[in-house]
Protein backbone atom coordinates (compact mmCIF):
# COMPACT_ATOMS: atom_id res chain seq x y z
CA MET A 1 28.77 102.09 131.44
CA VAL A 2 30.34 101.53 127.92
CA THR A 3 29.71 98.32 126.11
CA VAL A 4 31.92 96.68 123.85
CA ALA A 5 29.58 97.28 121.16
CA GLN A 6 29.40 101.20 122.25
CA ALA A 7 33.25 101.45 121.78
CA ARG A 8 35.30 103.02 119.35
CA PRO A 9 36.30 100.48 116.65
CA THR A 10 40.02 100.16 117.97
CA GLU A 11 38.77 99.29 121.75
CA ARG A 12 36.24 96.86 120.14
CA ALA A 13 38.90 95.57 117.97
CA GLN A 14 41.23 95.26 121.30
CA PHE A 15 38.91 93.60 123.53
CA ILE A 16 37.89 90.79 120.53
CA ARG A 17 41.67 90.13 120.08
CA ASN A 18 42.34 90.30 123.83
CA THR A 19 39.11 87.89 124.47
CA TYR A 20 39.86 85.17 121.75
CA LEU A 21 43.77 85.42 122.54
CA HIS A 22 42.87 84.79 126.11
CA LEU A 23 40.32 82.01 125.40
CA ALA A 24 43.07 80.29 123.08
CA GLY A 25 45.48 80.34 126.20
CA ALA A 26 42.76 78.71 128.35
CA ILE A 27 42.57 76.21 126.12
CA GLY A 28 45.85 75.42 126.01
CA ALA A 29 46.59 75.46 129.57
CA PHE A 30 43.74 72.72 129.69
CA VAL A 31 45.76 71.11 127.37
CA VAL A 32 48.89 71.04 129.38
CA VAL A 33 46.94 70.31 132.89
CA GLU A 34 45.25 67.23 131.14
CA PHE A 35 49.17 66.21 130.05
CA ILE A 36 50.05 66.05 133.45
CA LEU A 37 47.08 64.91 134.76
CA PHE A 38 48.25 61.94 132.53
CA GLN A 39 51.67 61.90 132.93
CA THR A 40 50.95 61.52 136.82
CA GLY A 41 48.67 59.06 136.42
CA VAL A 42 45.84 60.75 138.31
CA ALA A 43 43.64 60.49 135.30
CA GLY A 44 43.49 57.19 135.67
CA ALA A 45 43.25 57.03 139.64
CA LEU A 46 39.96 59.53 139.07
CA ALA A 47 38.51 57.09 136.19
CA ASP A 48 38.94 54.05 138.58
CA LEU A 49 37.48 56.47 141.19
CA LEU A 50 34.63 57.04 139.71
CA LEU A 51 33.98 53.88 137.64
CA GLY A 52 34.41 51.87 141.36
CA SER A 53 32.87 54.08 143.82
CA GLY A 54 29.32 54.40 142.09
CA ARG A 55 26.84 57.30 140.84
CA PHE A 56 26.79 58.81 144.07
CA VAL A 57 30.19 60.19 143.97
CA TRP A 58 29.73 61.79 140.96
CA LEU A 59 26.93 63.58 141.84
CA GLY A 60 29.42 65.07 144.66
CA VAL A 61 31.94 65.84 141.80
CA LEU A 62 28.86 67.62 139.84
CA ALA A 63 28.21 69.84 142.96
CA ALA A 64 32.03 70.78 143.75
CA PHE A 65 32.45 71.48 140.29
CA SER A 66 29.39 73.69 139.81
CA LEU A 67 30.69 75.36 143.14
CA ILE A 68 33.77 76.06 141.84
CA GLY A 69 32.54 77.43 138.25
CA TRP A 70 30.82 80.11 140.52
CA MET A 71 33.60 80.95 142.44
CA ALA A 72 35.70 81.34 139.16
CA ARG A 73 33.06 83.72 137.59
CA SER A 74 32.68 85.19 140.93
CA PHE A 75 36.36 85.99 140.80
CA ALA A 76 36.13 86.96 137.29
CA ALA A 77 33.89 89.50 137.59
CA GLN A 78 35.91 91.68 140.42
CA ALA A 79 37.59 94.57 139.14
CA SER A 80 41.14 93.18 140.14
CA VAL A 81 43.07 91.64 137.61
CA GLN A 82 44.97 89.54 139.61
CA THR A 83 41.68 88.11 140.83
CA GLN A 84 40.32 88.17 137.41
CA TYR A 85 43.25 85.77 136.22
CA LEU A 86 42.68 83.93 139.57
CA GLY A 87 38.96 83.13 138.25
CA LEU A 88 40.30 81.74 135.00
CA GLY A 89 42.50 79.78 136.31
CA LEU A 90 40.64 77.78 138.46
CA GLU A 91 38.18 77.43 135.58
CA VAL A 92 40.79 75.70 133.60
CA VAL A 93 41.85 73.48 136.53
CA ALA A 94 38.60 72.42 137.57
CA GLN A 95 37.61 71.78 133.84
CA ALA A 96 40.62 69.55 133.60
CA ILE A 97 39.98 67.66 136.73
CA ILE A 98 36.43 66.86 135.40
CA PHE A 99 37.16 65.46 132.04
CA ALA A 100 40.29 63.89 133.21
CA PRO A 101 38.38 60.45 133.69
CA LEU A 102 36.07 60.66 130.40
CA LEU A 103 39.65 61.47 128.44
CA TYR A 104 41.14 58.76 130.02
CA ILE A 105 38.36 56.32 128.86
CA ALA A 106 38.32 57.61 125.67
CA ALA A 107 42.16 57.31 125.15
CA VAL A 108 42.62 54.00 126.73
CA PHE A 109 39.45 51.96 125.78
CA SER A 110 38.11 53.79 122.66
CA ASP A 111 40.25 54.44 118.83
CA PRO A 112 42.96 56.74 119.11
CA SER A 113 41.31 59.50 116.56
CA VAL A 114 38.15 60.01 118.94
CA ILE A 115 39.65 62.71 121.20
CA PRO A 116 41.36 64.54 118.06
CA THR A 117 38.09 64.18 116.12
CA ALA A 118 36.08 65.82 118.69
CA GLY A 119 38.70 68.40 119.06
CA ILE A 120 38.34 69.61 115.59
CA LEU A 121 34.81 69.07 115.35
CA THR A 122 34.15 71.22 118.59
CA LEU A 123 36.89 74.14 116.94
CA LEU A 124 34.94 73.73 113.65
CA LEU A 125 31.72 74.42 115.09
CA PHE A 126 32.39 77.09 117.56
CA ALA A 127 34.02 78.90 114.83
CA ALA A 128 30.65 78.65 112.83
CA LEU A 129 29.04 79.79 115.86
CA THR A 130 31.23 82.80 116.66
CA ALA A 131 31.13 83.68 112.93
CA ILE A 132 27.46 84.01 113.06
CA ALA A 133 27.06 86.02 115.98
CA PHE A 134 29.72 88.35 114.43
CA VAL A 135 28.26 88.57 110.82
CA THR A 136 24.55 88.87 112.06
CA LYS A 137 25.74 91.07 114.76
CA LYS A 138 22.21 89.67 116.87
CA ASP A 139 21.83 90.16 119.98
CA PHE A 140 21.11 86.21 121.29
CA SER A 141 20.13 87.30 124.72
CA PHE A 142 17.00 86.05 124.28
CA LEU A 143 18.42 82.60 124.21
CA GLY A 144 19.12 83.37 127.81
CA GLY A 145 15.76 82.36 129.25
CA ILE A 146 15.89 79.76 127.37
CA LEU A 147 19.37 78.29 128.18
CA MET A 148 18.41 78.53 132.10
CA ILE A 149 15.21 76.53 132.05
CA GLY A 150 16.95 74.18 129.46
CA GLY A 151 19.86 73.66 131.71
CA PHE A 152 17.89 73.09 134.77
CA VAL A 153 15.85 70.38 133.07
CA ALA A 154 19.24 68.76 131.63
CA LEU A 155 20.50 69.13 135.33
CA GLY A 156 17.40 67.47 136.64
CA VAL A 157 17.72 64.58 134.08
CA ILE A 158 21.29 64.00 134.90
CA ILE A 159 20.68 63.66 138.57
CA CYS A 160 17.65 61.50 137.88
CA SER A 161 20.08 59.25 135.67
CA ALA A 162 23.07 58.94 138.65
CA ILE A 163 20.41 58.32 141.26
CA PHE A 164 17.93 55.75 139.50
CA GLY A 165 21.01 54.22 137.27
CA PHE A 166 19.66 54.50 133.53
CA GLN A 167 22.15 55.81 130.68
CA LEU A 168 21.14 59.16 129.32
CA GLY A 169 22.44 57.80 125.76
CA LEU A 170 23.30 59.48 122.36
CA PHE A 171 20.08 61.69 121.91
CA PHE A 172 20.67 63.44 125.58
CA SER A 173 24.41 63.79 124.14
CA ALA A 174 23.43 65.33 120.83
CA ILE A 175 20.52 67.54 122.74
CA MET A 176 23.17 69.15 125.03
CA VAL A 177 25.11 69.74 121.95
CA LEU A 178 22.31 71.79 120.37
CA PHE A 179 22.37 73.33 124.23
CA ALA A 180 25.93 74.38 124.08
CA ALA A 181 26.00 75.74 120.72
CA GLY A 182 23.25 77.85 121.79
CA ALA A 183 25.52 78.75 124.75
CA ILE A 184 27.96 80.11 122.70
CA LEU A 185 26.00 82.19 120.81
CA TYR A 186 24.61 83.72 123.93
CA ASP A 187 27.79 84.12 125.94
CA THR A 188 29.21 85.41 122.19
CA SER A 189 26.48 88.02 121.94
CA LYS A 190 26.41 88.93 125.52
CA VAL A 191 30.08 89.79 125.71
CA MET A 192 29.92 91.77 122.65
CA HIS A 193 26.68 93.62 123.95
CA TYR A 194 27.18 93.83 127.38
CA TYR A 195 30.76 93.55 128.83
CA GLN A 196 32.96 96.56 129.19
CA PRO A 197 36.09 96.92 127.08
CA GLY A 198 38.45 95.94 129.84
CA GLN A 199 36.32 92.58 130.91
CA HIS A 200 38.41 90.49 128.25
CA VAL A 201 39.21 87.81 130.90
CA ALA A 202 36.02 87.18 132.26
CA ALA A 203 34.78 87.25 128.44
CA SER A 204 37.13 84.61 127.85
CA LEU A 205 36.07 82.73 130.71
CA GLU A 206 32.80 82.47 129.86
CA LEU A 207 33.16 81.21 126.10
CA PHE A 208 35.77 78.58 127.62
CA ALA A 209 33.14 77.27 129.70
CA SER A 210 30.69 76.99 126.77
CA VAL A 211 33.24 75.24 124.94
CA ALA A 212 34.40 72.38 127.58
CA LEU A 213 30.61 71.85 127.15
CA LEU A 214 30.25 71.46 123.59
CA PHE A 215 33.48 69.46 123.77
CA TRP A 216 31.98 67.03 126.67
CA TYR A 217 29.06 66.02 124.65
CA ILE A 218 31.05 66.03 121.47
CA LEU A 219 33.15 63.47 122.62
CA GLN A 220 30.53 61.00 124.06
CA ILE A 221 29.07 61.15 120.82
CA VAL A 222 32.18 60.21 118.88
CA MET A 223 33.09 57.53 121.40
CA SER A 224 29.44 55.99 121.39
CA MET A 225 29.85 56.24 117.45
CA SER A 226 33.32 54.48 117.30
CA ARG A 227 31.92 51.52 119.36
CA ARG A 228 29.36 50.73 116.41
């Protein structure tokens, strides 16, 4: 099995180009889906549902999202190109739906600059982390175990906050930004050292999921800072 790191320079360049073009396409599709959800009133309805139905509904949403994310990655790992695109599309739609209530709250109840600011900060941080991974050419696979343990701890804290009703706060969001930054370094390194040249769709899905996680918590931090 020839990995991207072992491939010829032209194949490696093509893989990188295809991966980041698909990532840009996924982000663009995410924006389009969000626009549709806002224009049709679905985003507002989802926000009202989650705000009015209690914290246990949110746990159900997280569980469904985790299942859909697992399905999307399973599809993206298949040999069929059509199935890979199905996985990427499923991930984009799922992320858009789970983001819709938060973006609606940010758009309606926060400063108009909150969403653009969070988006720009996310893209800048992602670009910086990507540059670090490419320039250093370091294998960040050692982060895998740390991220797995950290992910379970974070999930446990989120579940406990939903059950017992305490707020996670700004500190937790800051920790999760660091977690997402580590995930981007890990994913960028992984797609270069362990993916094959033809797996650019699956690679873009991995990166998109990490960028979405980073945006989620940066947006919460910016929203919190705008209220002060």
